[in-house]
Amino acid sequence: METQPLDNLSSTKMALSLLRTDETIPSPGKTPEDFRSLLQFRPPWLDDLLTKLTYTTGKESFLVSKGSKYINVLTENIALFYVRYESTMIMCFDKQGYQVNYTLEQVQSLLPAKQFYRLNRQYLINFAAVKEVEHYFSRKLLVNSVVPTNDKLIVSKGKVSEFLHWLDNR
């Protein structure tokens, strides 16, 4: 059976889980080669399980109030989050805006980094909302969104390479 290399963290997690399920306690005299046989066996479901363990899907919806009603806004429908008058706002692809009871930092920690990127102190954008990117003054980038915004979406020159890497590695 062909094996695929794992990074150290995944290998350690897998080895520990196998040790727990077999209730085998390693003795101090054991070497890493003694446990290599545990890592050679790769059941077909293991890659899927490791992916689920390492990939966080993030928050799937946000509960917001609109007038006297509460509405669930799905994360996939959100184009961007932004700060307006010290409140965090949501702008959806259908151009509906809502206020959310989280700071932008909290929202960023709740969402998958693969899908959302923090452009600057005021904007967090969904990958699907990026229409195009163009060069701006002083080696900065200007992001054009599919949803119109009042402000220019600027990526600072210090974050340009990180942002372009995020766009490219999808």
C-alpha atoms as a PDB file:
ATOM      1  CA  MET A   1       0.000   0.000   0.000  1.00  0.00           C
ATOM      2  CA  GLU A   2       1.393   3.403  -0.953  1.00  0.00           C
ATOM      3  CA  THR A   3       1.661   5.942   1.839  1.00  0.00           C
ATOM      4  CA  GLN A   4       1.560   9.695   1.589  1.00  0.00           C
ATOM      5  CA  PRO A   5       3.722  11.965   3.722  1.00  0.00           C
ATOM      6  CA  LEU A   6       2.044  13.910   6.511  1.00  0.00           C
ATOM      7  CA  ASP A   7       3.248  16.988   8.259  1.00  0.00           C
ATOM      8  CA  ASN A   8       4.541  16.508  11.819  1.00  0.00           C
ATOM      9  CA  LEU A   9       1.367  17.770  13.498  1.00  0.00           C
ATOM     10  CA  SER A  10      -0.931  15.474  11.502  1.00  0.00           C
ATOM     11  CA  SER A  11       1.395  12.504  12.049  1.00  0.00           C
ATOM     12  CA  THR A  12       1.432  13.158  15.768  1.00  0.00           C
ATOM     13  CA  LYS A  13      -2.371  13.478  15.936  1.00  0.00           C
ATOM     14  CA  MET A  14      -2.827  10.257  13.984  1.00  0.00           C
ATOM     15  CA  ALA A  15      -0.279   8.331  16.038  1.00  0.00           C
ATOM     16  CA  LEU A  16      -1.832   9.509  19.299  1.00  0.00           C
ATOM     17  CA  SER A  17      -5.323   8.583  18.143  1.00  0.00           C
ATOM     18  CA  LEU A  18      -4.131   5.111  17.100  1.00  0.00           C
ATOM     19  CA  LEU A  19      -2.372   4.683  20.413  1.00  0.00           C
ATOM     20  CA  ARG A  20      -5.514   5.681  22.283  1.00  0.00           C
ATOM     21  CA  THR A  21      -7.753   3.337  20.310  1.00  0.00           C
ATOM     22  CA  ASP A  22      -5.375   0.397  20.733  1.00  0.00           C
ATOM     23  CA  GLU A  23      -4.763   1.388  24.371  1.00  0.00           C
ATOM     24  CA  THR A  24      -1.071   0.865  23.773  1.00  0.00           C
ATOM     25  CA  ILE A  25       1.120   2.875  26.099  1.00  0.00           C
ATOM     26  CA  PRO A  26       4.576   3.572  24.699  1.00  0.00           C
ATOM     27  CA  SER A  27       7.413   2.554  26.952  1.00  0.00           C
ATOM     28  CA  PRO A  28      10.401   4.855  27.488  1.00  0.00           C
ATOM     29  CA  GLY A  29      12.693   2.433  25.614  1.00  0.00           C
ATOM     30  CA  LYS A  30      10.718   2.653  22.341  1.00  0.00           C
ATOM     31  CA  THR A  31      12.219   4.486  19.385  1.00  0.00           C
ATOM     32  CA  PRO A  32      10.361   6.282  16.578  1.00  0.00           C
ATOM     33  CA  GLU A  33      11.128   3.338  14.267  1.00  0.00           C
ATOM     34  CA  ASP A  34       9.116   1.058  16.596  1.00  0.00           C
ATOM     35  CA  PHE A  35       6.016   3.167  15.880  1.00  0.00           C
ATOM     36  CA  ARG A  36       6.637   3.585  12.156  1.00  0.00           C
ATOM     37  CA  SER A  37       4.414   0.596  11.390  1.00  0.00           C
ATOM     38  CA  LEU A  38       1.497   2.440  12.998  1.00  0.00           C
ATOM     39  CA  LEU A  39       1.932   5.281  10.520  1.00  0.00           C
ATOM     40  CA  GLN A  40       2.260   3.066   7.425  1.00  0.00           C
ATOM     41  CA  PHE A  41      -1.363   1.907   7.491  1.00  0.00           C
ATOM     42  CA  ARG A  42      -3.633   4.522   5.847  1.00  0.00           C
ATOM     43  CA  PRO A  43      -7.310   3.581   5.695  1.00  0.00           C
ATOM     44  CA  PRO A  44      -9.275   5.306   2.898  1.00  0.00           C
ATOM     45  CA  TRP A  45     -11.288   7.447   5.313  1.00  0.00           C
ATOM     46  CA  LEU A  46      -8.209   8.850   7.056  1.00  0.00           C
ATOM     47  CA  ASP A  47      -7.487  11.655   4.560  1.00  0.00           C
ATOM     48  CA  ASP A  48     -11.093  12.846   4.749  1.00  0.00           C
ATOM     49  CA  LEU A  49     -10.963  12.795   8.557  1.00  0.00           C
ATOM     50  CA  LEU A  50      -7.672  14.696   8.638  1.00  0.00           C
ATOM     51  CA  THR A  51      -9.090  17.305   6.272  1.00  0.00           C
ATOM     52  CA  LYS A  52     -12.125  17.803   8.486  1.00  0.00           C
ATOM     53  CA  LEU A  53      -9.927  18.120  11.559  1.00  0.00           C
ATOM     54  CA  THR A  54      -7.598  20.693  10.044  1.00  0.00           C
ATOM     55  CA  TYR A  55     -10.079  22.707   7.958  1.00  0.00           C
ATOM     56  CA  THR A  56     -12.537  24.879   9.815  1.00  0.00           C
ATOM     57  CA  THR A  57     -15.609  25.881   7.894  1.00  0.00           C
ATOM     58  CA  GLY A  58     -16.246  28.881  10.113  1.00  0.00           C
ATOM     59  CA  LYS A  59     -19.519  30.482  11.035  1.00  0.00           C
ATOM     60  CA  GLU A  60     -22.244  29.580   8.560  1.00  0.00           C
ATOM     61  CA  SER A  61     -24.673  32.427   9.333  1.00  0.00           C
ATOM     62  CA  PHE A  62     -25.105  35.613  11.330  1.00  0.00           C
ATOM     63  CA  LEU A  63     -28.252  36.571  13.219  1.00  0.00           C
ATOM     64  CA  VAL A  64     -29.008  40.242  12.557  1.00  0.00           C
ATOM     65  CA  SER A  65     -31.906  42.507  13.371  1.00  0.00           C
ATOM     66  CA  LYS A  66     -33.757  44.428  10.700  1.00  0.00           C
ATOM     67  CA  GLY A  67     -36.415  46.666  12.213  1.00  0.00           C
ATOM     68  CA  SER A  68     -38.369  44.546  14.684  1.00  0.00           C
ATOM     69  CA  LYS A  69     -37.368  41.231  13.078  1.00  0.00           C
ATOM     70  CA  TYR A  70     -34.374  38.943  13.324  1.00  0.00           C
ATOM     71  CA  ILE A  71     -32.925  37.565  10.118  1.00  0.00           C
ATOM     72  CA  ASN A  72     -30.374  34.835   9.555  1.00  0.00           C
ATOM     73  CA  VAL A  73     -27.850  35.959   6.941  1.00  0.00           C
ATOM     74  CA  LEU A  74     -25.886  33.092   5.405  1.00  0.00           C
ATOM     75  CA  THR A  75     -22.149  33.681   5.282  1.00  0.00           C
ATOM     76  CA  GLU A  76     -22.048  32.645   1.622  1.00  0.00           C
ATOM     77  CA  ASN A  77     -24.358  35.606   0.827  1.00  0.00           C
ATOM     78  CA  ILE A  78     -22.057  38.157   2.485  1.00  0.00           C
ATOM     79  CA  ALA A  79     -19.835  40.161   0.158  1.00  0.00           C
ATOM     80  CA  LEU A  80     -18.002  42.117   2.822  1.00  0.00           C
ATOM     81  CA  PHE A  81     -17.896  43.272   6.409  1.00  0.00           C
ATOM     82  CA  TYR A  82     -16.961  46.851   7.188  1.00  0.00           C
ATOM     83  CA  VAL A  83     -16.797  49.310  10.066  1.00  0.00           C
ATOM     84  CA  ARG A  84     -19.076  52.346   9.970  1.00  0.00           C
ATOM     85  CA  TYR A  85     -19.272  54.704  12.978  1.00  0.00           C
ATOM     86  CA  GLU A  86     -17.614  52.102  15.238  1.00  0.00           C
ATOM     87  CA  SER A  87     -20.226  49.462  14.308  1.00  0.00           C
ATOM     88  CA  THR A  88     -19.547  46.381  12.211  1.00  0.00           C
ATOM     89  CA  MET A  89     -21.789  46.161   9.181  1.00  0.00           C
ATOM     90  CA  ILE A  90     -22.565  43.432   6.662  1.00  0.00           C
ATOM     91  CA  MET A  91     -23.007  44.098   2.968  1.00  0.00           C
ATOM     92  CA  CYS A  92     -24.585  41.205   1.081  1.00  0.00           C
ATOM     93  CA  PHE A  93     -24.295  40.448  -2.619  1.00  0.00           C
ATOM     94  CA  ASP A  94     -27.893  41.670  -3.045  1.00  0.00           C
ATOM     95  CA  LYS A  95     -26.716  45.070  -1.657  1.00  0.00           C
ATOM     96  CA  GLN A  96     -28.650  44.669   1.605  1.00  0.00           C
ATOM     97  CA  GLY A  97     -26.857  46.058   4.643  1.00  0.00           C
ATOM     98  CA  TYR A  98     -27.131  44.873   8.244  1.00  0.00           C
ATOM     99  CA  GLN A  99     -25.470  45.648  11.541  1.00  0.00           C
ATOM    100  CA  VAL A 100     -23.833  42.760  13.390  1.00  0.00           C
ATOM    101  CA  ASN A 101     -22.979  42.582  17.096  1.00  0.00           C
ATOM    102  CA  TYR A 102     -19.326  41.618  16.678  1.00  0.00           C
ATOM    103  CA  THR A 103     -16.158  43.617  16.218  1.00  0.00           C
ATOM    104  CA  LEU A 104     -14.361  43.189  12.912  1.00  0.00           C
ATOM    105  CA  GLU A 105     -11.614  41.260  14.737  1.00  0.00           C
ATOM    106  CA  GLN A 106     -14.206  38.842  16.171  1.00  0.00           C
ATOM    107  CA  VAL A 107     -15.819  38.393  12.762  1.00  0.00           C
ATOM    108  CA  GLN A 108     -12.409  37.675  11.224  1.00  0.00           C
ATOM    109  CA  SER A 109     -11.735  34.957  13.794  1.00  0.00           C
ATOM    110  CA  LEU A 110     -15.140  33.344  13.126  1.00  0.00           C
ATOM    111  CA  LEU A 111     -14.691  33.092   9.364  1.00  0.00           C
ATOM    112  CA  PRO A 112     -12.446  30.824   7.285  1.00  0.00           C
ATOM    113  CA  ALA A 113      -9.286  32.623   6.152  1.00  0.00           C
ATOM    114  CA  LYS A 114      -9.560  30.876   2.808  1.00  0.00           C
ATOM    115  CA  GLN A 115     -12.867  32.626   2.046  1.00  0.00           C
ATOM    116  CA  PHE A 116     -12.462  36.055   3.710  1.00  0.00           C
ATOM    117  CA  TYR A 117      -9.499  38.429   3.778  1.00  0.00           C
ATOM    118  CA  ARG A 118      -8.888  41.463   5.973  1.00  0.00           C
ATOM    119  CA  LEU A 119      -8.031  44.225   3.496  1.00  0.00           C
ATOM    120  CA  ASN A 120      -7.394  46.922   6.084  1.00  0.00           C
ATOM    121  CA  ARG A 121      -8.709  48.166   9.447  1.00  0.00           C
ATOM    122  CA  GLN A 122     -12.176  48.745   8.032  1.00  0.00           C
ATOM    123  CA  TYR A 123     -12.897  46.005   5.473  1.00  0.00           C
ATOM    124  CA  LEU A 124     -13.071  42.217   5.393  1.00  0.00           C
ATOM    125  CA  ILE A 125     -13.922  40.903   1.916  1.00  0.00           C
ATOM    126  CA  ASN A 126     -15.282  37.637   0.554  1.00  0.00           C
ATOM    127  CA  PHE A 127     -13.234  36.064  -2.246  1.00  0.00           C
ATOM    128  CA  ALA A 128     -16.350  35.930  -4.422  1.00  0.00           C
ATOM    129  CA  ALA A 129     -16.803  39.707  -4.021  1.00  0.00           C
ATOM    130  CA  VAL A 130     -13.446  40.576  -5.586  1.00  0.00           C
ATOM    131  CA  LYS A 131     -14.180  41.753  -9.115  1.00  0.00           C
ATOM    132  CA  GLU A 132     -10.689  42.953 -10.028  1.00  0.00           C
ATOM    133  CA  VAL A 133      -7.541  44.347  -8.480  1.00  0.00           C
ATOM    134  CA  GLU A 134      -5.455  47.180  -9.860  1.00  0.00           C
ATOM    135  CA  HIS A 135      -2.266  48.948  -8.923  1.00  0.00           C
ATOM    136  CA  TYR A 136      -2.689  52.086  -6.859  1.00  0.00           C
ATOM    137  CA  PHE A 137      -0.334  54.820  -5.671  1.00  0.00           C
ATOM    138  CA  SER A 138       2.799  53.937  -3.670  1.00  0.00           C
ATOM    139  CA  ARG A 139       2.714  50.189  -4.487  1.00  0.00           C
ATOM    140  CA  LYS A 140      -0.715  49.736  -2.921  1.00  0.00           C
ATOM    141  CA  LEU A 141      -3.600  47.850  -4.501  1.00  0.00           C
ATOM    142  CA  LEU A 142      -7.126  49.002  -5.212  1.00  0.00           C
ATOM    143  CA  VAL A 143      -9.740  46.249  -4.970  1.00  0.00           C
ATOM    144  CA  ASN A 144     -12.862  46.654  -7.064  1.00  0.00           C
ATOM    145  CA  SER A 145     -15.766  44.797  -5.534  1.00  0.00           C
ATOM    146  CA  VAL A 146     -18.855  43.385  -7.232  1.00  0.00           C
ATOM    147  CA  VAL A 147     -20.802  45.329  -4.600  1.00  0.00           C
ATOM    148  CA  PRO A 148     -20.345  49.115  -4.694  1.00  0.00           C
ATOM    149  CA  THR A 149     -18.815  50.701  -1.571  1.00  0.00           C
ATOM    150  CA  ASN A 150     -18.579  54.292  -0.361  1.00  0.00           C
ATOM    151  CA  ASP A 151     -14.836  53.954   0.287  1.00  0.00           C
ATOM    152  CA  LYS A 152     -11.987  52.796  -1.886  1.00  0.00           C
ATOM    153  CA  LEU A 153     -10.881  49.305  -0.891  1.00  0.00           C
ATOM    154  CA  ILE A 154      -7.143  49.767  -0.472  1.00  0.00           C
ATOM    155  CA  VAL A 155      -4.580  47.085   0.381  1.00  0.00           C
ATOM    156  CA  SER A 156      -1.476  48.598   1.989  1.00  0.00           C
ATOM    157  CA  LYS A 157       1.900  47.978   0.381  1.00  0.00           C
ATOM    158  CA  GLY A 158       2.898  45.827   3.372  1.00  0.00           C
ATOM    159  CA  LYS A 159       0.048  43.390   2.702  1.00  0.00           C
ATOM    160  CA  VAL A 160       0.175  43.338  -1.112  1.00  0.00           C
ATOM    161  CA  SER A 161       2.123  40.089  -1.492  1.00  0.00           C
ATOM    162  CA  GLU A 162       0.033  38.342   1.199  1.00  0.00           C
ATOM    163  CA  PHE A 163      -3.190  39.475  -0.495  1.00  0.00           C
ATOM    164  CA  LEU A 164      -2.048  38.372  -3.952  1.00  0.00           C
ATOM    165  CA  HIS A 165      -0.985  35.019  -2.492  1.00  0.00           C
ATOM    166  CA  TRP A 166      -4.471  34.654  -0.939  1.00  0.00           C
ATOM    167  CA  LEU A 167      -6.078  35.423  -4.312  1.00  0.00           C
ATOM    168  CA  ASP A 168      -3.839  33.009  -6.176  1.00  0.00           C
ATOM    169  CA  ASN A 169      -4.003  30.025  -3.807  1.00  0.00           C
ATOM    170  CA  ARG A 170      -7.662  29.152  -3.959  1.00  0.00           C
END
